[in-house]
């Protein structure tokens, strides 16, 4: 990614990474029945020097090692009663809350 690490965090100007990728993670992967892992990204990839490259490489290797064991994002499933026929959350599901995080089971 071209953004700095903090920029893709929960208070960053670009938004939290899982929310940036929501359409892909929930709308495509979860919708088609896949279990979805939290995304791995390399912030400031355009400014990666040898030291940062070594850290990034180790981080990616650790991520790949846990590929089949890491916890998945518990997105709500489409046809289990959480959503209306218009694909909006039912009023009784996390009432009063909004935003993309309401589509994740807690």
N, C-alpha and C. Protein backbone atom coordinates (compact mmCIF):
# COMPACT_ATOMS: atom_id res chain seq x y z
N UNK A 1 0.83 -1.17 0.00
CA UNK A 1 0.00 0.00 0.00
C UNK A 1 0.89 1.24 0.00
N UNK A 2 0.37 2.28 -0.55
CA UNK A 2 1.12 3.53 -0.56
C UNK A 2 0.93 4.35 0.70
N UNK A 3 -0.10 4.03 1.48
CA UNK A 3 -0.37 4.79 2.70
C UNK A 3 0.53 4.37 3.85
N UNK A 4 0.69 5.26 4.80
CA UNK A 4 1.43 4.95 6.02
C UNK A 4 0.58 4.03 6.90
N UNK A 5 1.22 3.32 7.79
CA UNK A 5 0.52 2.33 8.62
C UNK A 5 -0.64 2.95 9.41
N UNK A 6 -0.40 4.09 10.05
CA UNK A 6 -1.45 4.72 10.85
C UNK A 6 -2.62 5.20 9.98
N UNK A 7 -2.36 5.50 8.73
CA UNK A 7 -3.40 6.00 7.83
C UNK A 7 -4.44 4.93 7.50
N UNK A 8 -4.04 3.65 7.61
CA UNK A 8 -5.00 2.58 7.34
C UNK A 8 -5.48 1.92 8.63
N UNK A 9 -5.31 2.64 9.73
CA UNK A 9 -5.77 2.18 11.03
C UNK A 9 -7.17 2.68 11.32
N UNK A 10 -7.71 2.36 12.47
CA UNK A 10 -9.09 2.72 12.81
C UNK A 10 -9.36 4.22 12.85
N UNK A 11 -8.32 5.03 13.06
CA UNK A 11 -8.51 6.48 13.07
C UNK A 11 -7.76 7.17 11.92
N UNK A 12 -7.25 6.39 11.01
CA UNK A 12 -6.49 6.94 9.91
C UNK A 12 -7.35 7.58 8.84
N UNK A 13 -6.75 8.44 8.06
CA UNK A 13 -7.49 9.18 7.04
C UNK A 13 -8.05 8.29 5.94
N UNK A 14 -7.44 7.14 5.72
CA UNK A 14 -7.93 6.25 4.67
C UNK A 14 -8.93 5.23 5.20
N UNK A 15 -9.00 5.08 6.50
CA UNK A 15 -9.94 4.13 7.08
C UNK A 15 -9.27 2.80 7.41
N UNK A 16 -9.93 2.04 8.22
CA UNK A 16 -9.42 0.74 8.65
C UNK A 16 -9.43 -0.24 7.47
N UNK A 17 -8.41 -1.06 7.36
CA UNK A 17 -8.20 -1.90 6.18
C UNK A 17 -9.37 -2.83 5.89
N UNK A 18 -9.93 -3.48 6.91
CA UNK A 18 -11.06 -4.38 6.62
C UNK A 18 -12.28 -3.61 6.12
N UNK A 19 -12.42 -2.35 6.54
CA UNK A 19 -13.52 -1.54 6.02
C UNK A 19 -13.24 -1.08 4.59
N UNK A 20 -12.00 -0.76 4.29
CA UNK A 20 -11.65 -0.38 2.92
C UNK A 20 -11.93 -1.52 1.95
N UNK A 21 -11.71 -2.73 2.41
CA UNK A 21 -11.88 -3.91 1.56
C UNK A 21 -13.21 -4.63 1.81
N UNK A 22 -14.15 -3.96 2.47
CA UNK A 22 -15.40 -4.60 2.86
C UNK A 22 -16.14 -5.24 1.68
N UNK A 23 -16.24 -4.54 0.58
CA UNK A 23 -16.95 -5.08 -0.58
C UNK A 23 -16.37 -6.40 -1.06
N UNK A 24 -15.08 -6.52 -1.01
CA UNK A 24 -14.41 -7.75 -1.42
C UNK A 24 -14.50 -8.82 -0.34
N UNK A 25 -14.16 -8.45 0.90
CA UNK A 25 -14.11 -9.42 1.99
C UNK A 25 -15.48 -9.99 2.34
N UNK A 26 -16.46 -9.10 2.51
CA UNK A 26 -17.80 -9.55 2.89
C UNK A 26 -18.67 -9.77 1.66
N UNK A 27 -18.67 -8.81 0.77
CA UNK A 27 -19.57 -8.85 -0.37
C UNK A 27 -19.24 -9.92 -1.39
N UNK A 28 -18.01 -10.35 -1.45
CA UNK A 28 -17.64 -11.40 -2.41
C UNK A 28 -17.25 -12.68 -1.70
N UNK A 29 -16.23 -12.62 -0.86
CA UNK A 29 -15.73 -13.85 -0.22
C UNK A 29 -16.75 -14.46 0.74
N UNK A 30 -17.20 -13.69 1.73
CA UNK A 30 -18.13 -14.24 2.73
C UNK A 30 -19.46 -14.59 2.08
N UNK A 31 -19.93 -13.76 1.16
CA UNK A 31 -21.21 -14.01 0.50
C UNK A 31 -21.20 -15.35 -0.24
N UNK A 32 -20.07 -15.71 -0.81
CA UNK A 32 -19.99 -16.96 -1.56
C UNK A 32 -19.62 -18.15 -0.68
N UNK A 33 -19.59 -17.93 0.64
CA UNK A 33 -19.39 -19.03 1.57
C UNK A 33 -17.97 -19.24 2.04
N UNK A 34 -17.07 -18.36 1.65
CA UNK A 34 -15.68 -18.50 2.09
C UNK A 34 -15.50 -17.95 3.50
N UNK A 35 -14.57 -18.50 4.23
CA UNK A 35 -14.16 -17.91 5.50
C UNK A 35 -13.10 -16.87 5.17
N UNK A 36 -13.18 -15.74 5.82
CA UNK A 36 -12.35 -14.59 5.46
C UNK A 36 -11.34 -14.28 6.56
N UNK A 37 -10.08 -14.21 6.19
CA UNK A 37 -9.01 -13.81 7.11
C UNK A 37 -8.84 -12.30 7.07
N UNK A 38 -8.34 -11.75 8.15
CA UNK A 38 -8.00 -10.33 8.14
C UNK A 38 -6.91 -10.11 7.09
N UNK A 39 -7.00 -9.05 6.33
CA UNK A 39 -6.02 -8.82 5.27
C UNK A 39 -4.63 -8.47 5.82
N UNK A 40 -3.62 -8.86 5.09
CA UNK A 40 -2.24 -8.49 5.39
C UNK A 40 -1.84 -7.46 4.35
N UNK A 41 -1.21 -6.40 4.79
CA UNK A 41 -0.77 -5.36 3.85
C UNK A 41 0.59 -4.83 4.30
N UNK A 42 1.31 -4.32 3.34
CA UNK A 42 2.60 -3.68 3.61
C UNK A 42 2.42 -2.18 3.41
N UNK A 43 2.28 -1.43 4.51
CA UNK A 43 2.14 0.02 4.39
C UNK A 43 3.43 0.66 3.88
N UNK A 44 3.29 1.78 3.23
CA UNK A 44 4.43 2.54 2.70
C UNK A 44 5.36 1.65 1.89
N UNK A 45 4.79 0.80 1.08
CA UNK A 45 5.58 -0.14 0.28
C UNK A 45 6.57 0.59 -0.63
N UNK A 46 6.23 1.81 -1.01
CA UNK A 46 7.10 2.58 -1.90
C UNK A 46 8.32 3.15 -1.17
N UNK A 47 8.35 3.02 0.17
CA UNK A 47 9.50 3.48 0.94
C UNK A 47 10.13 2.36 1.75
N UNK A 48 10.12 1.17 1.21
CA UNK A 48 10.66 0.02 1.93
C UNK A 48 12.15 -0.10 1.69
N UNK A 49 12.93 0.06 2.76
CA UNK A 49 14.37 -0.12 2.67
C UNK A 49 14.70 -1.55 3.12
N UNK A 50 15.98 -1.88 3.19
CA UNK A 50 16.38 -3.24 3.54
C UNK A 50 15.89 -3.67 4.91
N UNK A 51 15.92 -2.76 5.87
CA UNK A 51 15.47 -3.09 7.23
C UNK A 51 13.97 -3.35 7.24
N UNK A 52 13.20 -2.45 6.64
CA UNK A 52 11.74 -2.63 6.59
C UNK A 52 11.39 -3.85 5.76
N UNK A 53 12.16 -4.13 4.72
CA UNK A 53 11.90 -5.31 3.89
C UNK A 53 12.05 -6.58 4.72
N UNK A 54 13.07 -6.65 5.54
CA UNK A 54 13.28 -7.84 6.38
C UNK A 54 12.13 -8.02 7.37
N UNK A 55 11.66 -6.92 7.97
CA UNK A 55 10.53 -6.98 8.90
C UNK A 55 9.27 -7.42 8.16
N UNK A 56 9.03 -6.83 6.99
CA UNK A 56 7.85 -7.18 6.20
C UNK A 56 7.89 -8.64 5.76
N UNK A 57 9.05 -9.09 5.36
CA UNK A 57 9.19 -10.49 4.93
C UNK A 57 8.89 -11.45 6.08
N UNK A 58 9.39 -11.14 7.27
CA UNK A 58 9.12 -11.97 8.44
C UNK A 58 7.63 -11.94 8.80
N UNK A 59 7.02 -10.78 8.71
CA UNK A 59 5.60 -10.64 9.01
C UNK A 59 4.76 -11.45 8.03
N UNK A 60 5.09 -11.36 6.76
CA UNK A 60 4.36 -12.12 5.74
C UNK A 60 4.57 -13.62 5.94
N UNK A 61 5.77 -14.04 6.24
CA UNK A 61 6.05 -15.46 6.47
C UNK A 61 5.22 -15.98 7.66
N UNK A 62 5.14 -15.19 8.72
CA UNK A 62 4.34 -15.58 9.88
C UNK A 62 2.87 -15.68 9.51
N UNK A 63 2.42 -14.75 8.71
CA UNK A 63 1.02 -14.76 8.26
C UNK A 63 0.73 -16.02 7.45
N UNK A 64 1.61 -16.35 6.55
CA UNK A 64 1.40 -17.54 5.71
C UNK A 64 1.44 -18.83 6.53
N UNK A 65 2.25 -18.85 7.57
CA UNK A 65 2.31 -20.03 8.44
C UNK A 65 0.98 -20.26 9.15
N UNK A 66 0.25 -19.19 9.45
CA UNK A 66 -1.02 -19.31 10.15
C UNK A 66 -2.23 -19.33 9.23
N UNK A 67 -1.99 -19.43 7.95
CA UNK A 67 -3.05 -19.32 6.96
C UNK A 67 -4.26 -20.21 7.24
N UNK A 68 -4.03 -21.41 7.72
CA UNK A 68 -5.13 -22.34 7.94
C UNK A 68 -5.53 -22.43 9.41
N UNK A 69 -4.90 -21.61 10.25
CA UNK A 69 -5.19 -21.65 11.69
C UNK A 69 -5.65 -20.31 12.25
N UNK A 70 -5.34 -19.21 11.57
CA UNK A 70 -5.70 -17.89 12.08
C UNK A 70 -7.22 -17.74 12.16
N UNK A 71 -7.65 -16.93 13.12
CA UNK A 71 -9.07 -16.66 13.30
C UNK A 71 -9.61 -15.89 12.09
N UNK A 72 -10.79 -16.27 11.67
CA UNK A 72 -11.42 -15.59 10.54
C UNK A 72 -12.31 -14.45 11.04
N UNK A 73 -12.71 -13.58 10.13
CA UNK A 73 -13.63 -12.49 10.46
C UNK A 73 -15.03 -13.09 10.50
N UNK A 74 -15.72 -12.98 11.63
CA UNK A 74 -17.04 -13.61 11.73
C UNK A 74 -18.16 -12.75 11.13
N UNK A 75 -18.14 -12.61 9.81
CA UNK A 75 -19.18 -11.83 9.14
C UNK A 75 -20.54 -12.51 9.31
N UNK A 76 -21.58 -11.70 9.36
CA UNK A 76 -22.94 -12.24 9.40
C UNK A 76 -23.26 -12.88 8.06
N UNK A 77 -23.95 -13.99 8.12
CA UNK A 77 -24.33 -14.68 6.89
C UNK A 77 -25.63 -14.08 6.35
N UNK A 78 -25.77 -14.10 5.05
CA UNK A 78 -26.88 -13.44 4.38
C UNK A 78 -28.25 -14.01 4.73
N UNK A 79 -28.39 -15.31 4.72
CA UNK A 79 -29.73 -15.90 4.79
C UNK A 79 -29.99 -16.61 6.13
N UNK A 80 -29.60 -15.99 7.24
CA UNK A 80 -29.79 -16.60 8.55
C UNK A 80 -30.75 -15.81 9.43
N UNK A 81 -31.42 -14.83 8.87
CA UNK A 81 -32.39 -14.05 9.62
C UNK A 81 -31.88 -12.72 10.15
N UNK A 82 -30.59 -12.43 9.97
CA UNK A 82 -30.06 -11.15 10.43
C UNK A 82 -30.44 -10.01 9.49
N UNK A 83 -30.76 -10.33 8.25
CA UNK A 83 -31.03 -9.31 7.23
C UNK A 83 -32.49 -9.38 6.74
N UNK A 84 -32.98 -8.23 6.31
CA UNK A 84 -34.31 -8.15 5.70
C UNK A 84 -34.19 -8.63 4.25
N UNK A 85 -35.32 -8.67 3.56
CA UNK A 85 -35.32 -9.03 2.13
C UNK A 85 -34.60 -7.98 1.29
N UNK A 86 -34.42 -6.79 1.86
CA UNK A 86 -33.70 -5.71 1.17
C UNK A 86 -32.23 -5.69 1.54
N UNK A 87 -31.76 -6.70 2.27
CA UNK A 87 -30.37 -6.87 2.69
C UNK A 87 -29.90 -5.78 3.65
N UNK A 88 -30.81 -5.32 4.48
CA UNK A 88 -30.50 -4.39 5.56
C UNK A 88 -30.62 -5.18 6.86
N UNK A 89 -29.80 -4.85 7.84
CA UNK A 89 -29.90 -5.57 9.11
C UNK A 89 -31.29 -5.42 9.71
N UNK A 90 -31.78 -6.50 10.28
CA UNK A 90 -33.06 -6.47 10.98
C UNK A 90 -32.96 -5.45 12.12
N UNK A 91 -34.05 -4.79 12.47
CA UNK A 91 -34.02 -3.78 13.54
C UNK A 91 -33.51 -4.30 14.88
N UNK A 92 -33.71 -5.57 15.17
CA UNK A 92 -33.29 -6.12 16.47
C UNK A 92 -31.81 -6.50 16.52
N UNK A 93 -31.14 -6.45 15.38
CA UNK A 93 -29.71 -6.81 15.33
C UNK A 93 -28.89 -5.54 15.57
N UNK A 94 -28.10 -5.52 16.62
CA UNK A 94 -27.32 -4.36 17.07
C UNK A 94 -28.07 -3.04 16.86
N UNK A 95 -29.21 -2.90 17.53
CA UNK A 95 -30.04 -1.70 17.34
C UNK A 95 -29.29 -0.42 17.69
N UNK A 96 -29.52 0.59 16.88
CA UNK A 96 -28.92 1.89 17.12
C UNK A 96 -27.50 2.04 16.63
N UNK A 97 -26.89 0.96 16.17
CA UNK A 97 -25.51 1.03 15.68
C UNK A 97 -25.50 1.06 14.15
N UNK A 98 -24.51 1.73 13.59
CA UNK A 98 -24.38 1.83 12.15
C UNK A 98 -22.92 1.60 11.76
N UNK A 99 -22.64 1.59 10.49
CA UNK A 99 -21.28 1.41 10.00
C UNK A 99 -21.04 -0.03 9.60
N UNK A 100 -19.94 -0.25 8.96
CA UNK A 100 -19.63 -1.59 8.43
C UNK A 100 -19.38 -2.62 9.52
N UNK A 101 -18.97 -2.18 10.69
CA UNK A 101 -18.67 -3.14 11.76
C UNK A 101 -19.92 -3.87 12.25
N UNK A 102 -21.11 -3.37 11.98
CA UNK A 102 -22.33 -4.05 12.43
C UNK A 102 -22.54 -5.36 11.68
N UNK A 103 -21.81 -5.56 10.61
CA UNK A 103 -21.95 -6.78 9.82
C UNK A 103 -21.03 -7.89 10.30
N UNK A 104 -20.33 -7.63 11.39
CA UNK A 104 -19.44 -8.63 12.01
C UNK A 104 -20.08 -9.07 13.31
N UNK A 105 -20.19 -10.38 13.48
CA UNK A 105 -20.73 -10.93 14.75
C UNK A 105 -19.72 -10.68 15.86
N UNK A 106 -20.19 -10.30 17.02
CA UNK A 106 -19.29 -10.04 18.15
C UNK A 106 -19.36 -11.14 19.16
